Amino acid sequence: MVSYLSCAEMTAVFRTVRSRLAPGGRFVFTVPHPFLPYIRPLEKPVYFDSKGRDYFAGVNQSYEGYIWRRDGHAKRF
């Protein structure tokens, strides 16, 4: 996930994406809001395990979770 990349890694990823886009092409992506683990159940299509922490206690913490691909397989992150 983009959220877990360092600044250097993110810069490299976006440079690569830009170099591969057709002229005038667009790259669209989304990043789940950090409040997501607290407002929805642990189920498809995406979830994060907050491990009982509240929203403000989770600052600068990593959350494990899953995103389900369109083919139905889950990807852990």
PDB file of N, CA and C in Angstrom:
ATOM      1  N   MET A   1       0.823  -1.183   0.000  1.00  0.00           N
ATOM      2  CA  MET A   1       0.000   0.000   0.000  1.00  0.00           C
ATOM      3  C   MET A   1       0.869   1.249   0.000  1.00  0.00           C
ATOM      4  N   VAL A   2       0.393   2.248  -0.663  1.00  0.00           N
ATOM      5  CA  VAL A   2       1.115   3.508  -0.740  1.00  0.00           C
ATOM      6  C   VAL A   2       1.350   4.094   0.649  1.00  0.00           C
ATOM      7  N   SER A   3       0.407   3.890   1.557  1.00  0.00           N
ATOM      8  CA  SER A   3       0.509   4.470   2.898  1.00  0.00           C
ATOM      9  C   SER A   3       1.724   3.984   3.673  1.00  0.00           C
ATOM     10  N   TYR A   4       2.236   2.820   3.328  1.00  0.00           N
ATOM     11  CA  TYR A   4       3.332   2.232   4.090  1.00  0.00           C
ATOM     12  C   TYR A   4       4.689   2.403   3.430  1.00  0.00           C
ATOM     13  N   LEU A   5       4.760   3.187   2.380  1.00  0.00           N
ATOM     14  CA  LEU A   5       6.031   3.450   1.716  1.00  0.00           C
ATOM     15  C   LEU A   5       6.742   4.618   2.386  1.00  0.00           C
ATOM     16  N   SER A   6       8.055   4.563   2.357  1.00  0.00           N
ATOM     17  CA  SER A   6       8.824   5.722   2.820  1.00  0.00           C
ATOM     18  C   SER A   6       8.703   6.811   1.752  1.00  0.00           C
ATOM     19  N   CYS A   7       9.124   8.013   2.090  1.00  0.00           N
ATOM     20  CA  CYS A   7       9.079   9.114   1.106  1.00  0.00           C
ATOM     21  C   CYS A   7       9.919   8.769  -0.121  1.00  0.00           C
ATOM     22  N   ALA A   8      11.089   8.174   0.090  1.00  0.00           N
ATOM     23  CA  ALA A   8      11.958   7.810  -1.038  1.00  0.00           C
ATOM     24  C   ALA A   8      11.302   6.735  -1.908  1.00  0.00           C
ATOM     25  N   GLU A   9      10.675   5.747  -1.278  1.00  0.00           N
ATOM     26  CA  GLU A   9       9.996   4.693  -2.035  1.00  0.00           C
ATOM     27  C   GLU A   9       8.811   5.251  -2.808  1.00  0.00           C
ATOM     28  N   MET A  10       8.059   6.134  -2.173  1.00  0.00           N
ATOM     29  CA  MET A  10       6.899   6.733  -2.828  1.00  0.00           C
ATOM     30  C   MET A  10       7.338   7.570  -4.031  1.00  0.00           C
ATOM     31  N   THR A  11       8.408   8.331  -3.871  1.00  0.00           N
ATOM     32  CA  THR A  11       8.924   9.136  -4.976  1.00  0.00           C
ATOM     33  C   THR A  11       9.326   8.240  -6.143  1.00  0.00           C
ATOM     34  N   ALA A  12       9.995   7.129  -5.845  1.00  0.00           N
ATOM     35  CA  ALA A  12      10.411   6.192  -6.896  1.00  0.00           C
ATOM     36  C   ALA A  12       9.203   5.574  -7.601  1.00  0.00           C
ATOM     37  N   VAL A  13       8.195   5.185  -6.843  1.00  0.00           N
ATOM     38  CA  VAL A  13       6.987   4.594  -7.428  1.00  0.00           C
ATOM     39  C   VAL A  13       6.312   5.589  -8.353  1.00  0.00           C
ATOM     40  N   PHE A  14       6.116   6.820  -7.884  1.00  0.00           N
ATOM     41  CA  PHE A  14       5.405   7.794  -8.708  1.00  0.00           C
ATOM     42  C   PHE A  14       6.227   8.228  -9.920  1.00  0.00           C
ATOM     43  N   ARG A  15       7.524   8.235  -9.806  1.00  0.00           N
ATOM     44  CA  ARG A  15       8.354   8.519 -10.994  1.00  0.00           C
ATOM     45  C   ARG A  15       8.196   7.412 -12.027  1.00  0.00           C
ATOM     46  N   THR A  16       8.167   6.169 -11.558  1.00  0.00           N
ATOM     47  CA  THR A  16       7.982   5.044 -12.471  1.00  0.00           C
ATOM     48  C   THR A  16       6.617   5.109 -13.134  1.00  0.00           C
ATOM     49  N   VAL A  17       5.579   5.367 -12.356  1.00  0.00           N
ATOM     50  CA  VAL A  17       4.230   5.478 -12.914  1.00  0.00           C
ATOM     51  C   VAL A  17       4.195   6.576 -13.965  1.00  0.00           C
ATOM     52  N   ARG A  18       4.744   7.725 -13.621  1.00  0.00           N
ATOM     53  CA  ARG A  18       4.732   8.856 -14.564  1.00  0.00           C
ATOM     54  C   ARG A  18       5.454   8.513 -15.857  1.00  0.00           C
ATOM     55  N   SER A  19       6.555   7.807 -15.757  1.00  0.00           N
ATOM     56  CA  SER A  19       7.331   7.471 -16.951  1.00  0.00           C
ATOM     57  C   SER A  19       6.595   6.487 -17.858  1.00  0.00           C
ATOM     58  N   ARG A  20       5.621   5.771 -17.320  1.00  0.00           N
ATOM     59  CA  ARG A  20       4.911   4.756 -18.099  1.00  0.00           C
ATOM     60  C   ARG A  20       3.530   5.189 -18.567  1.00  0.00           C
ATOM     61  N   LEU A  21       3.098   6.353 -18.137  1.00  0.00           N
ATOM     62  CA  LEU A  21       1.801   6.849 -18.592  1.00  0.00           C
ATOM     63  C   LEU A  21       1.882   7.347 -20.031  1.00  0.00           C
ATOM     64  N   ALA A  22       0.816   7.127 -20.766  1.00  0.00           N
ATOM     65  CA  ALA A  22       0.721   7.690 -22.114  1.00  0.00           C
ATOM     66  C   ALA A  22       0.611   9.208 -21.984  1.00  0.00           C
ATOM     67  N   PRO A  23       1.023   9.963 -22.997  1.00  0.00           N
ATOM     68  CA  PRO A  23       0.862  11.413 -22.941  1.00  0.00           C
ATOM     69  C   PRO A  23      -0.589  11.778 -22.620  1.00  0.00           C
ATOM     70  N   GLY A  24      -0.774  12.622 -21.633  1.00  0.00           N
ATOM     71  CA  GLY A  24      -2.104  13.021 -21.208  1.00  0.00           C
ATOM     72  C   GLY A  24      -2.794  11.989 -20.330  1.00  0.00           C
ATOM     73  N   GLY A  25      -2.101  10.867 -20.067  1.00  0.00           N
ATOM     74  CA  GLY A  25      -2.695   9.811 -19.245  1.00  0.00           C
ATOM     75  C   GLY A  25      -2.797  10.235 -17.786  1.00  0.00           C
ATOM     76  N   ARG A  26      -3.629   9.523 -17.051  1.00  0.00           N
ATOM     77  CA  ARG A  26      -3.834   9.814 -15.631  1.00  0.00           C
ATOM     78  C   ARG A  26      -3.639   8.552 -14.812  1.00  0.00           C
ATOM     79  N   PHE A  27      -3.129   8.741 -13.625  1.00  0.00           N
ATOM     80  CA  PHE A  27      -2.975   7.653 -12.662  1.00  0.00           C
ATOM     81  C   PHE A  27      -3.866   7.994 -11.476  1.00  0.00           C
ATOM     82  N   VAL A  28      -4.826   7.142 -11.198  1.00  0.00           N
ATOM     83  CA  VAL A  28      -5.774   7.383 -10.118  1.00  0.00           C
ATOM     84  C   VAL A  28      -5.599   6.271  -9.088  1.00  0.00           C
ATOM     85  N   PHE A  29      -5.494   6.650  -7.816  1.00  0.00           N
ATOM     86  CA  PHE A  29      -5.382   5.666  -6.754  1.00  0.00           C
ATOM     87  C   PHE A  29      -6.107   6.198  -5.530  1.00  0.00           C
ATOM     88  N   THR A  30      -6.308   5.336  -4.580  1.00  0.00           N
ATOM     89  CA  THR A  30      -6.989   5.726  -3.356  1.00  0.00           C
ATOM     90  C   THR A  30      -6.227   5.188  -2.155  1.00  0.00           C
ATOM     91  N   VAL A  31      -6.345   5.880  -1.070  1.00  0.00           N
ATOM     92  CA  VAL A  31      -5.735   5.463   0.190  1.00  0.00           C
ATOM     93  C   VAL A  31      -6.844   5.445   1.238  1.00  0.00           C
ATOM     94  N   PRO A  32      -7.061   4.302   1.908  1.00  0.00           N
ATOM     95  CA  PRO A  32      -8.112   4.272   2.928  1.00  0.00           C
ATOM     96  C   PRO A  32      -7.855   5.292   4.036  1.00  0.00           C
ATOM     97  N   HIS A  33      -8.905   5.943   4.479  1.00  0.00           N
ATOM     98  CA  HIS A  33      -8.786   6.910   5.561  1.00  0.00           C
ATOM     99  C   HIS A  33      -8.389   6.186   6.845  1.00  0.00           C
ATOM    100  N   PRO A  34      -7.540   6.770   7.691  1.00  0.00           N
ATOM    101  CA  PRO A  34      -7.096   6.097   8.913  1.00  0.00           C
ATOM    102  C   PRO A  34      -8.214   5.814   9.917  1.00  0.00           C
ATOM    103  N   PHE A  35      -9.372   6.412   9.734  1.00  0.00           N
ATOM    104  CA  PHE A  35     -10.485   6.140  10.643  1.00  0.00           C
ATOM    105  C   PHE A  35     -11.208   4.841  10.290  1.00  0.00           C
ATOM    106  N   LEU A  36     -10.922   4.286   9.113  1.00  0.00           N
ATOM    107  CA  LEU A  36     -11.602   3.099   8.620  1.00  0.00           C
ATOM    108  C   LEU A  36     -11.656   1.932   9.619  1.00  0.00           C
ATOM    109  N   PRO A  37     -10.579   1.599  10.343  1.00  0.00           N
ATOM    110  CA  PRO A  37     -10.668   0.457  11.259  1.00  0.00           C
ATOM    111  C   PRO A  37     -11.680   0.637  12.384  1.00  0.00           C
ATOM    112  N   TYR A  38     -12.073   1.847  12.641  1.00  0.00           N
ATOM    113  CA  TYR A  38     -12.941   2.118  13.783  1.00  0.00           C
ATOM    114  C   TYR A  38     -14.413   2.248  13.404  1.00  0.00           C
ATOM    115  N   ILE A  39     -14.727   2.301  12.110  1.00  0.00           N
ATOM    116  CA  ILE A  39     -16.105   2.549  11.703  1.00  0.00           C
ATOM    117  C   ILE A  39     -16.744   1.394  10.956  1.00  0.00           C
ATOM    118  N   ARG A  40     -15.996   0.345  10.705  1.00  0.00           N
ATOM    119  CA  ARG A  40     -16.601  -0.771   9.971  1.00  0.00           C
ATOM    120  C   ARG A  40     -16.080  -2.096  10.506  1.00  0.00           C
ATOM    121  N   PRO A  41     -16.834  -3.171  10.266  1.00  0.00           N
ATOM    122  CA  PRO A  41     -16.418  -4.487  10.750  1.00  0.00           C
ATOM    123  C   PRO A  41     -15.225  -5.036   9.982  1.00  0.00           C
ATOM    124  N   LEU A  42     -14.588  -6.049  10.533  1.00  0.00           N
ATOM    125  CA  LEU A  42     -13.442  -6.704   9.889  1.00  0.00           C
ATOM    126  C   LEU A  42     -13.963  -7.661   8.818  1.00  0.00           C
ATOM    127  N   GLU A  43     -14.257  -7.108   7.647  1.00  0.00           N
ATOM    128  CA  GLU A  43     -14.798  -7.914   6.551  1.00  0.00           C
ATOM    129  C   GLU A  43     -14.437  -7.283   5.212  1.00  0.00           C
ATOM    130  N   LYS A  44     -14.753  -8.009   4.125  1.00  0.00           N
ATOM    131  CA  LYS A  44     -14.483  -7.530   2.770  1.00  0.00           C
ATOM    132  C   LYS A  44     -15.171  -6.191   2.534  1.00  0.00           C
ATOM    133  N   PRO A  45     -14.693  -5.355   1.646  1.00  0.00           N
ATOM    134  CA  PRO A  45     -13.592  -5.545   0.711  1.00  0.00           C
ATOM    135  C   PRO A  45     -12.228  -5.141   1.265  1.00  0.00           C
ATOM    136  N   VAL A  46     -12.199  -4.448   2.408  1.00  0.00           N
ATOM    137  CA  VAL A  46     -10.925  -4.064   3.016  1.00  0.00           C
ATOM    138  C   VAL A  46     -11.134  -3.940   4.517  1.00  0.00           C
ATOM    139  N   TYR A  47     -10.135  -4.376   5.275  1.00  0.00           N
ATOM    140  CA  TYR A  47     -10.207  -4.106   6.707  1.00  0.00           C
ATOM    141  C   TYR A  47      -8.818  -4.012   7.310  1.00  0.00           C
ATOM    142  N   PHE A  48      -8.752  -3.310   8.422  1.00  0.00           N
ATOM    143  CA  PHE A  48      -7.555  -3.163   9.228  1.00  0.00           C
ATOM    144  C   PHE A  48      -7.886  -3.628  10.631  1.00  0.00           C
ATOM    145  N   ASP A  49      -6.943  -4.265  11.290  1.00  0.00           N
ATOM    146  CA  ASP A  49      -7.138  -4.713  12.672  1.00  0.00           C
ATOM    147  C   ASP A  49      -6.564  -3.651  13.608  1.00  0.00           C
ATOM    148  N   SER A  50      -7.427  -2.942  14.319  1.00  0.00           N
ATOM    149  CA  SER A  50      -6.978  -1.876  15.223  1.00  0.00           C
ATOM    150  C   SER A  50      -6.483  -2.414  16.558  1.00  0.00           C
ATOM    151  N   LYS A  51      -6.643  -3.713  16.775  1.00  0.00           N
ATOM    152  CA  LYS A  51      -6.175  -4.384  17.994  1.00  0.00           C
ATOM    153  C   LYS A  51      -6.658  -3.674  19.257  1.00  0.00           C
ATOM    154  N   GLY A  52      -7.890  -3.169  19.227  1.00  0.00           N
ATOM    155  CA  GLY A  52      -8.489  -2.550  20.396  1.00  0.00           C
ATOM    156  C   GLY A  52      -8.048  -1.130  20.691  1.00  0.00           C
ATOM    157  N   ARG A  53      -7.154  -0.585  19.883  1.00  0.00           N
ATOM    158  CA  ARG A  53      -6.719   0.803  20.088  1.00  0.00           C
ATOM    159  C   ARG A  53      -7.804   1.755  19.611  1.00  0.00           C
ATOM    160  N   ASP A  54      -7.886   2.915  20.252  1.00  0.00           N
ATOM    161  CA  ASP A  54      -8.822   3.906  19.738  1.00  0.00           C
ATOM    162  C   ASP A  54      -8.115   4.749  18.685  1.00  0.00           C
ATOM    163  N   TYR A  55      -8.867   5.584  18.006  1.00  0.00           N
ATOM    164  CA  TYR A  55      -8.351   6.360  16.881  1.00  0.00           C
ATOM    165  C   TYR A  55      -7.121   7.188  17.256  1.00  0.00           C
ATOM    166  N   PHE A  56      -7.155   7.864  18.393  1.00  0.00           N
ATOM    167  CA  PHE A  56      -6.044   8.742  18.761  1.00  0.00           C
ATOM    168  C   PHE A  56      -4.861   7.979  19.338  1.00  0.00           C
ATOM    169  N   ALA A  57      -5.082   6.788  19.886  1.00  0.00           N
ATOM    170  CA  ALA A  57      -3.978   5.977  20.400  1.00  0.00           C
ATOM    171  C   ALA A  57      -3.205   5.316  19.265  1.00  0.00           C
ATOM    172  N   GLY A  58      -3.771   5.297  18.065  1.00  0.00           N
ATOM    173  CA  GLY A  58      -3.133   4.635  16.938  1.00  0.00           C
ATOM    174  C   GLY A  58      -2.232   5.522  16.110  1.00  0.00           C
ATOM    175  N   VAL A  59      -1.919   6.721  16.586  1.00  0.00           N
ATOM    176  CA  VAL A  59      -1.067   7.647  15.837  1.00  0.00           C
ATOM    177  C   VAL A  59       0.313   7.032  15.640  1.00  0.00           C
ATOM    178  N   ASN A  60       0.798   7.100  14.413  1.00  0.00           N
ATOM    179  CA  ASN A  60       2.109   6.573  14.031  1.00  0.00           C
ATOM    180  C   ASN A  60       2.239   5.077  14.295  1.00  0.00           C
ATOM    181  N   GLN A  61       1.134   4.365  14.207  1.00  0.00           N
ATOM    182  CA  GLN A  61       1.126   2.915  14.358  1.00  0.00           C
ATOM    183  C   GLN A  61       0.785   2.280  13.020  1.00  0.00           C
ATOM    184  N   SER A  62       1.331   1.111  12.767  1.00  0.00           N
ATOM    185  CA  SER A  62       0.962   0.343  11.575  1.00  0.00           C
ATOM    186  C   SER A  62      -0.165  -0.609  11.929  1.00  0.00           C
ATOM    187  N   TYR A  63      -1.062  -0.803  11.007  1.00  0.00           N
ATOM    188  CA  TYR A  63      -2.176  -1.729  11.181  1.00  0.00           C
ATOM    189  C   TYR A  63      -2.076  -2.816  10.128  1.00  0.00           C
ATOM    190  N   GLU A  64      -2.231  -4.051  10.547  1.00  0.00           N
ATOM    191  CA  GLU A  64      -2.284  -5.132   9.587  1.00  0.00           C
ATOM    192  C   GLU A  64      -3.710  -5.261   9.087  1.00  0.00           C
ATOM    193  N   GLY A  65      -3.844  -5.748   7.885  1.00  0.00           N
ATOM    194  CA  GLY A  65      -5.176  -5.920   7.347  1.00  0.00           C
ATOM    195  C   GLY A  65      -5.158  -6.668   6.036  1.00  0.00           C
ATOM    196  N   TYR A  66      -6.283  -6.651   5.360  1.00  0.00           N
ATOM    197  CA  TYR A  66      -6.446  -7.325   4.082  1.00  0.00           C
ATOM    198  C   TYR A  66      -7.222  -6.445   3.125  1.00  0.00           C
ATOM    199  N   ILE A  67      -6.884  -6.552   1.865  1.00  0.00           N
ATOM    200  CA  ILE A  67      -7.661  -5.967   0.782  1.00  0.00           C
ATOM    201  C   ILE A  67      -7.995  -7.112  -0.158  1.00  0.00           C
ATOM    202  N   TRP A  68      -9.270  -7.230  -0.505  1.00  0.00           N
ATOM    203  CA  TRP A  68      -9.682  -8.279  -1.425  1.00  0.00           C
ATOM    204  C   TRP A  68      -9.580  -7.772  -2.847  1.00  0.00           C
ATOM    205  N   ARG A  69      -8.913  -8.567  -3.669  1.00  0.00           N
ATOM    206  CA  ARG A  69      -8.795  -8.230  -5.080  1.00  0.00           C
ATOM    207  C   ARG A  69     -10.121  -8.510  -5.778  1.00  0.00           C
ATOM    208  N   ARG A  70     -10.253  -8.025  -6.987  1.00  0.00           N
ATOM    209  CA  ARG A  70     -11.499  -8.227  -7.736  1.00  0.00           C
ATOM    210  C   ARG A  70     -11.768  -9.692  -8.011  1.00  0.00           C
ATOM    211  N   ASP A  71     -10.703 -10.524  -8.033  1.00  0.00           N
ATOM    212  CA  ASP A  71     -10.902 -11.954  -8.293  1.00  0.00           C
ATOM    213  C   ASP A  71     -11.296 -12.723  -7.025  1.00  0.00           C
ATOM    214  N   GLY A  72     -11.471 -12.002  -5.896  1.00  0.00           N
ATOM    215  CA  GLY A  72     -11.913 -12.623  -4.665  1.00  0.00           C
ATOM    216  C   GLY A  72     -10.822 -13.063  -3.721  1.00  0.00           C
ATOM    217  N   HIS A  73      -9.574 -12.986  -4.143  1.00  0.00           N
ATOM    218  CA  HIS A  73      -8.460 -13.360  -3.276  1.00  0.00           C
ATOM    219  C   HIS A  73      -8.056 -12.182  -2.399  1.00  0.00           C
ATOM    220  N   ALA A  74      -7.712 -12.479  -1.147  1.00  0.00           N
ATOM    221  CA  ALA A  74      -7.308 -11.430  -0.206  1.00  0.00           C
ATOM    222  C   ALA A  74      -5.807 -11.229  -0.263  1.00  0.00           C
ATOM    223  N   LYS A  75      -5.387  -9.998  -0.133  1.00  0.00           N
ATOM    224  CA  LYS A  75      -3.969  -9.628  -0.085  1.00  0.00           C
ATOM    225  C   LYS A  75      -3.699  -9.016   1.281  1.00  0.00           C
ATOM    226  N   ARG A  76      -2.804  -9.639   2.042  1.00  0.00           N
ATOM    227  CA  ARG A  76      -2.450  -9.131   3.362  1.00  0.00           C
ATOM    228  C   ARG A  76      -1.474  -7.964   3.227  1.00  0.00           C
ATOM    229  N   PHE A  77      -1.623  -6.976   4.071  1.00  0.00           N
ATOM    230  CA  PHE A  77      -0.660  -5.858   4.084  1.00  0.00           C
ATOM    231  C   PHE A  77      -0.474  -5.382   5.484  1.00  0.00           C
TER     232      PHE A  77
END
